[in-house]
Protein backbone atom coordinates (compact mmCIF):
# COMPACT_ATOMS: atom_id res chain seq x y z
CA MET A 1 10.54 13.03 22.77
CA GLU A 2 13.48 10.32 22.51
CA LEU A 3 13.62 8.33 19.44
CA SER A 4 13.37 5.32 21.94
CA VAL A 5 10.20 6.09 23.18
CA TYR A 6 8.59 7.10 20.26
CA LEU A 7 9.74 3.68 18.36
CA GLN A 8 8.64 1.81 21.17
CA ASP A 9 4.90 3.60 21.24
CA LEU A 10 4.80 3.31 17.45
CA LEU A 11 5.46 -0.36 17.07
CA GLN A 12 3.30 -1.36 19.93
CA ALA A 13 0.49 0.34 18.12
CA THR A 14 1.18 -1.67 15.03
CA VAL A 15 1.67 -4.92 16.45
CA LYS A 16 -1.68 -4.35 18.43
CA GLN A 17 -3.18 -3.65 15.00
CA LEU A 18 -1.77 -6.86 13.19
CA ILE A 19 -2.88 -9.27 16.28
CA ALA A 20 -6.52 -7.62 16.26
CA LEU A 21 -7.13 -8.09 12.63
CA GLN A 22 -5.68 -11.56 12.47
CA ALA A 23 -9.04 -13.34 13.16
CA SER A 24 -11.29 -11.08 10.86
CA ALA A 25 -8.61 -11.55 7.86
CA LEU A 26 -8.68 -15.13 8.13
CA ALA A 27 -12.41 -15.33 8.26
CA GLY A 28 -12.19 -14.20 4.56
CA SER A 29 -15.82 -13.21 4.07
CA ASP A 30 -15.30 -9.49 4.18
CA PRO A 31 -12.25 -8.05 2.33
CA GLU A 32 -11.57 -5.03 4.25
CA PRO A 33 -9.58 -6.42 7.37
CA LEU A 34 -7.28 -8.24 4.89
CA HIS A 35 -6.68 -4.51 3.33
CA GLN A 36 -5.98 -2.80 6.86
CA LEU A 37 -3.77 -6.04 7.76
CA ARG A 38 -1.58 -5.47 4.61
CA ILE A 39 -1.71 -1.87 5.35
CA GLN A 40 -0.06 -2.50 8.78
CA LEU A 41 2.21 -5.09 7.44
CA ARG A 42 3.51 -2.60 5.25
CA ARG A 43 4.00 0.32 8.11
CA LEU A 44 5.89 -2.64 9.88
CA ALA A 45 8.35 -3.15 7.12
CA LEU A 46 8.95 0.54 7.03
CA LEU A 47 9.31 0.82 10.73
CA LEU A 48 11.63 -2.09 10.93
CA GLU A 49 13.96 -0.63 8.08
CA LEU A 50 13.90 3.03 8.72
CA PHE A 51 14.38 2.67 12.43
CA GLU A 52 17.03 0.03 12.58
CA PRO A 53 19.69 2.50 13.53
CA VAL A 54 17.78 3.08 16.50
CA ALA A 55 17.03 -0.49 17.46
CA ARG A 56 18.67 -3.92 18.43
CA TRP A 57 15.93 -5.92 16.75
CA PRO A 58 16.00 -9.83 17.54
CA GLU A 59 16.99 -12.83 15.15
CA GLY A 60 14.56 -13.26 12.70
CA VAL A 61 13.03 -9.81 12.70
CA SER A 62 13.24 -7.92 9.68
CA SER A 63 11.56 -5.70 7.35
CA SER A 64 12.15 -8.24 4.57
CA ARG A 65 10.16 -10.95 6.68
CA ALA A 66 7.29 -8.51 6.92
CA GLU A 67 7.38 -7.68 3.23
CA LYS A 68 7.15 -11.25 2.24
CA VAL A 69 4.13 -12.02 4.41
CA CYS A 70 2.75 -8.74 2.85
CA ARG A 71 3.62 -10.00 -0.64
CA ARG A 72 1.69 -13.62 0.13
CA LEU A 73 -1.81 -11.72 1.01
CA GLY A 74 -1.47 -9.40 -2.39
CA MET A 75 -3.15 -12.01 -4.80
CA ALA A 76 -6.15 -12.06 -2.53
CA ARG A 77 -6.51 -8.27 -2.20
CA ASP A 78 -5.94 -7.78 -6.07
CA LEU A 79 -8.99 -10.18 -6.69
CA ASP A 80 -11.22 -8.44 -4.01
CA VAL A 81 -10.55 -5.24 -5.82
CA LEU A 82 -11.11 -6.96 -9.27
CA ARG A 83 -14.32 -8.72 -8.44
CA ASP A 84 -15.71 -5.60 -6.71
CA ARG A 85 -15.31 -3.40 -9.56
CA LEU A 86 -16.83 -6.06 -11.79
CA GLU A 87 -19.60 -6.72 -9.79
CA HIS A 88 -20.57 -3.58 -8.44
CA VAL A 89 -19.50 -0.78 -10.86
CA PHE A 90 -19.43 -2.68 -14.41
CA LEU A 91 -22.08 -4.95 -14.21
CA PRO A 92 -25.16 -3.09 -13.27
CA GLN A 93 -24.12 -0.78 -16.55
CA LEU A 94 -24.15 -3.79 -18.77
CA PRO A 95 -26.62 -5.24 -20.97
CA GLU A 96 -27.88 -8.94 -20.63
CA ASP A 97 -25.94 -10.67 -23.42
CA GLU A 98 -22.56 -9.00 -22.18
CA ILE A 99 -23.46 -10.02 -18.24
CA ASN A 100 -24.22 -13.53 -19.62
CA ALA A 101 -20.54 -13.64 -21.51
CA LEU A 102 -19.18 -12.77 -18.44
CA LYS A 103 -20.29 -15.29 -16.46
CA GLY A 104 -17.38 -17.77 -17.11
CA VAL A 105 -15.04 -14.61 -15.91
CA ARG A 106 -17.05 -14.37 -13.03
CA LYS A 107 -16.69 -17.99 -12.05
CA GLN A 108 -12.78 -18.18 -12.52
CA LEU A 109 -12.09 -14.81 -10.22
CA LYS A 110 -14.16 -17.15 -7.49
CA ARG A 111 -12.14 -20.00 -7.99
CA GLU A 112 -8.81 -17.78 -8.00
CA ARG A 113 -9.78 -15.90 -4.86
CA ARG A 114 -10.38 -19.62 -2.83
CA LEU A 115 -6.91 -20.15 -3.91
CA ALA A 116 -5.53 -16.63 -2.96
CA ILE A 117 -7.79 -17.38 0.86
CA ALA A 118 -5.73 -20.71 1.06
CA GLU A 119 -2.38 -18.70 0.63
CA VAL A 120 -3.72 -16.06 3.19
CA GLU A 121 -4.64 -18.75 6.00
CA GLU A 122 -1.22 -20.50 5.25
CA ALA A 123 1.03 -17.22 5.44
CA LEU A 124 -0.82 -15.76 8.78
CA ARG A 125 -1.15 -19.33 10.20
CA GLY A 126 2.63 -19.95 9.19
CA ARG A 127 5.50 -20.67 11.77
CA ARG A 128 7.64 -17.42 10.24
CA TYR A 129 4.90 -14.98 10.80
CA LEU A 130 3.92 -16.26 14.07
CA LYS A 131 7.48 -16.06 15.47
CA LEU A 132 7.72 -12.77 13.80
CA LEU A 133 4.92 -11.57 15.83
CA ALA A 134 6.13 -13.35 19.02
CA ARG A 135 9.62 -11.91 18.69
CA LEU A 136 8.33 -8.42 18.33
CA GLN A 137 6.14 -8.68 21.56
CA ALA A 138 9.07 -10.10 23.40
CA TRP A 139 10.99 -7.10 22.32
CA LEU A 140 8.49 -4.84 23.45
CA LYS A 141 8.87 -6.12 26.85
CA GLU A 142 12.63 -5.81 26.94
CA PRO A 143 13.23 -3.49 24.08
CA ARG A 144 17.04 -2.94 23.34
CA PHE A 145 18.21 0.49 21.58
CA THR A 146 21.19 1.98 20.24
CA SER A 147 23.04 5.08 21.89
CA LEU A 148 20.96 6.94 19.00
CA GLY A 149 17.65 5.89 20.90
CA SER A 150 18.01 8.44 23.79
CA GLU A 151 18.31 11.29 21.16
CA PRO A 152 15.27 13.62 20.56
CA LEU A 153 12.89 12.47 17.82
CA ASP A 154 12.56 15.96 16.07
CA ALA A 155 16.49 16.49 15.61
CA TRP A 156 16.70 13.08 13.47
CA MET A 157 13.61 13.49 11.22
CA LEU A 158 15.67 14.61 8.20
CA GLU A 159 17.86 11.56 8.21
CA PHE A 160 14.60 9.45 8.51
CA HIS A 161 12.84 11.21 5.54
CA ALA A 162 15.77 11.25 3.23
CA PRO A 163 15.69 7.72 2.21
CA LEU A 164 11.76 7.91 1.16
CA ILE A 165 12.25 11.00 -1.24
CA SER A 166 15.92 10.52 -2.24
CA ASP A 167 15.13 10.09 -6.19
CA LEU A 168 11.38 10.16 -5.94
CA PHE A 169 10.79 13.03 -8.39
CA LEU A 170 13.20 11.65 -10.94
CA LEU A 171 11.29 8.33 -11.71
CA PRO A 172 9.77 8.11 -15.21
CA GLY A 173 6.36 7.61 -14.07
CA TRP A 174 5.96 11.41 -13.89
CA ARG A 175 6.67 11.72 -17.61
CA SER A 176 5.48 8.50 -18.95
CA GLU A 177 2.26 6.74 -19.41
CA SER A 178 3.47 3.17 -19.69
CA ALA A 179 1.87 0.53 -17.26
CA SER A 180 5.27 -0.65 -15.46
CA ASP A 181 6.38 3.12 -15.20
CA LEU A 182 3.03 4.15 -13.38
CA HIS A 183 3.30 1.08 -11.19
CA GLN A 184 6.82 1.79 -10.02
CA LEU A 185 5.82 5.43 -9.23
CA ARG A 186 2.95 4.23 -7.38
CA GLN A 187 4.79 2.04 -5.07
CA ARG A 188 7.29 4.66 -4.13
CA LEU A 189 4.52 6.85 -3.54
CA LYS A 190 3.08 4.30 -1.18
CA ARG A 191 6.34 4.00 0.55
CA CYS A 192 6.93 7.62 0.80
CA ARG A 193 3.61 8.26 2.21
CA TYR A 194 3.53 5.29 4.78
CA GLY A 195 7.18 6.33 5.97
CA LEU A 196 6.14 10.04 6.51
CA ALA A 197 3.16 8.99 8.28
CA LEU A 198 5.10 7.40 10.86
CA SER A 199 6.63 10.59 11.94
CA PRO A 200 4.45 13.43 10.57
CA GLY A 201 3.86 16.96 12.36
CA PRO A 202 0.85 19.06 11.52
CA HIS A 203 2.40 20.71 8.92
CA LEU A 204 3.15 17.15 6.89
CA LEU A 205 -0.86 16.51 6.78
CA PRO A 206 -1.74 18.38 3.67
CA TRP A 207 1.36 16.84 1.90
CA LEU A 208 0.37 13.50 3.19
CA ALA A 209 -3.29 14.12 1.67
CA GLN A 210 -1.57 14.90 -1.49
CA LEU A 211 0.38 11.84 -1.76
CA LYS A 212 -2.55 9.73 -1.07
CA ARG A 213 -4.41 11.23 -3.79
CA SER A 214 -1.76 10.74 -6.20
CA GLN A 215 -1.13 7.16 -4.92
CA GLN A 216 -5.02 6.69 -5.21
CA LEU A 217 -4.78 7.73 -8.92
CA LEU A 218 -2.20 5.35 -9.88
CA GLY A 219 -3.99 2.99 -8.16
CA GLU A 220 -7.18 3.46 -10.46
CA LEU A 221 -4.98 3.06 -13.26
CA ASN A 222 -3.29 0.03 -12.27
CA ASP A 223 -6.50 -1.65 -11.11
CA LEU A 224 -7.94 -0.79 -14.93
CA HIS A 225 -5.00 -2.35 -16.39
CA VAL A 226 -5.01 -5.42 -14.34
CA PHE A 227 -8.83 -5.66 -15.14
CA GLU A 228 -8.03 -5.41 -18.63
CA LEU A 229 -5.52 -8.23 -18.57
CA ALA A 230 -7.98 -10.34 -16.36
CA LEU A 231 -10.45 -10.11 -19.00
CA ASP A 232 -8.09 -11.44 -21.76
CA ALA A 233 -6.31 -14.09 -19.95
CA GLY A 234 -7.72 -17.42 -21.14
CA ARG A 235 -10.52 -16.12 -23.01
CA SER A 236 -11.96 -17.50 -26.37
CA PHE A 237 -13.34 -14.31 -27.13
CA GLN A 238 -11.91 -10.89 -27.69
CA PRO A 239 -13.62 -8.35 -25.13
CA ASP A 240 -13.89 -5.48 -27.48
CA VAL A 241 -16.02 -7.55 -29.87
CA THR A 242 -18.23 -9.66 -27.31
CA CYS A 243 -18.53 -6.89 -24.39
CA PRO A 244 -18.09 -3.55 -26.37
CA VAL A 245 -20.13 -1.72 -23.58
CA LEU A 246 -17.91 -2.92 -20.67
CA THR A 247 -14.48 -2.36 -23.27
CA SER A 248 -15.93 1.06 -23.71
CA LEU A 249 -16.83 1.97 -19.71
CA VAL A 250 -13.11 0.62 -19.00
CA ALA A 251 -11.42 2.95 -21.54
CA SER A 252 -13.82 5.78 -20.19
CA GLN A 253 -12.73 5.17 -16.80
CA ARG A 254 -9.29 4.89 -17.51
CA GLN A 255 -9.15 8.34 -19.58
CA VAL A 256 -10.79 10.04 -16.75
CA ALA A 257 -8.16 8.80 -14.28
CA LEU A 258 -5.36 9.17 -16.59
CA LEU A 259 -6.51 13.12 -17.29
CA GLN A 260 -6.69 13.66 -13.43
CA TRP A 261 -3.32 12.15 -13.17
CA ARG A 262 -1.89 14.06 -15.44
CA ASP A 263 -3.02 17.47 -13.88
CA LEU A 264 -1.63 16.11 -10.37
CA ALA A 265 1.57 15.02 -11.71
CA ALA A 266 2.04 18.36 -13.67
CA GLN A 267 1.77 20.20 -10.24
CA TRP A 268 4.36 17.98 -8.29
CA SER A 269 6.58 18.51 -11.19
CA THR A 270 7.07 22.28 -10.56
CA SER A 271 9.89 23.37 -8.78
CA SER A 272 7.81 25.60 -6.52
CA THR A 273 5.56 22.64 -5.36
CA ARG A 274 8.87 20.41 -5.03
CA LEU A 275 10.60 23.20 -3.07
CA SER A 276 7.74 23.32 -0.68
CA PHE A 277 7.62 19.73 -0.15
CA HIS A 278 11.07 19.55 0.67
CA GLN A 279 10.94 22.48 3.36
CA ALA A 280 8.15 20.98 5.17
CA LEU A 281 10.27 17.56 5.31
CA LEU A 282 13.04 20.36 7.00
CA ALA A 283 10.74 21.61 9.11
CA PRO A 284 10.67 20.18 13.08
CA VAL A 285 8.39 17.55 14.16
CA VAL A 286 5.43 19.47 16.08
CA GLY A 287 2.87 17.98 18.03
CA GLY A 288 2.58 14.38 19.70
CA LEU A 289 2.58 10.75 18.58
CA THR A 290 0.74 9.97 15.56
CA ARG A 291 -0.14 6.65 15.36
CA PRO A 292 -0.98 4.17 12.16
């Protein structure tokens, strides 16, 4: 398959998903469409970046523009995760006095989400985002490619994969447990996973599953860290004193996730695992188009 054909089909599928999710994400009642829309925006940003040598993108279409929209939707998504964990994971396990002590926190989270949803509406109805979608749709009707577009897809996959993994295993998050280092590694694993998913063969699917598991464990650790910060922010009480059961639950969940992450990080860090991963990336692309 030619690079131009693959890219056009992939972009068509991504834009279609963005348009389909727009109304549901704006409704705001169900957090899942917003989550899926952010995933599609991340994929769009990576697609525009990685395949820039293949396409002649119109003015105003760029990876950075898609990333900016995605960031504006981030606060609402983070608050949805916090509220879901508090309401459905922790509260059912708490005594009545701790539930009462958390009323102020729960009200504050609701207020903050209302503000965040207003930001979502402004971003998705904004001129810049709508122009981005319109220009992508126009490009799909009359696509323009560089000379690279006529080259076969599998002959160039190494070049598209290389930026995703260049220094991935050198990041401090593999050996550090600081929140900032783990967050940085999580972002890079997410980028690597979404980027590789744009052009996978069946031989990469087990590695994509492993990347997803790694990302999920680091996401769990990040969510628990953010949850602890949210409890501390602006409160007149100390959570470990006023809500000892909640504090214990958070610490327990963090310890479980940390132990699981240590095991997985140790697997990734062996030379044999890294060699196998790199060899899989060198293998030719097999099979047909896989869409996000």
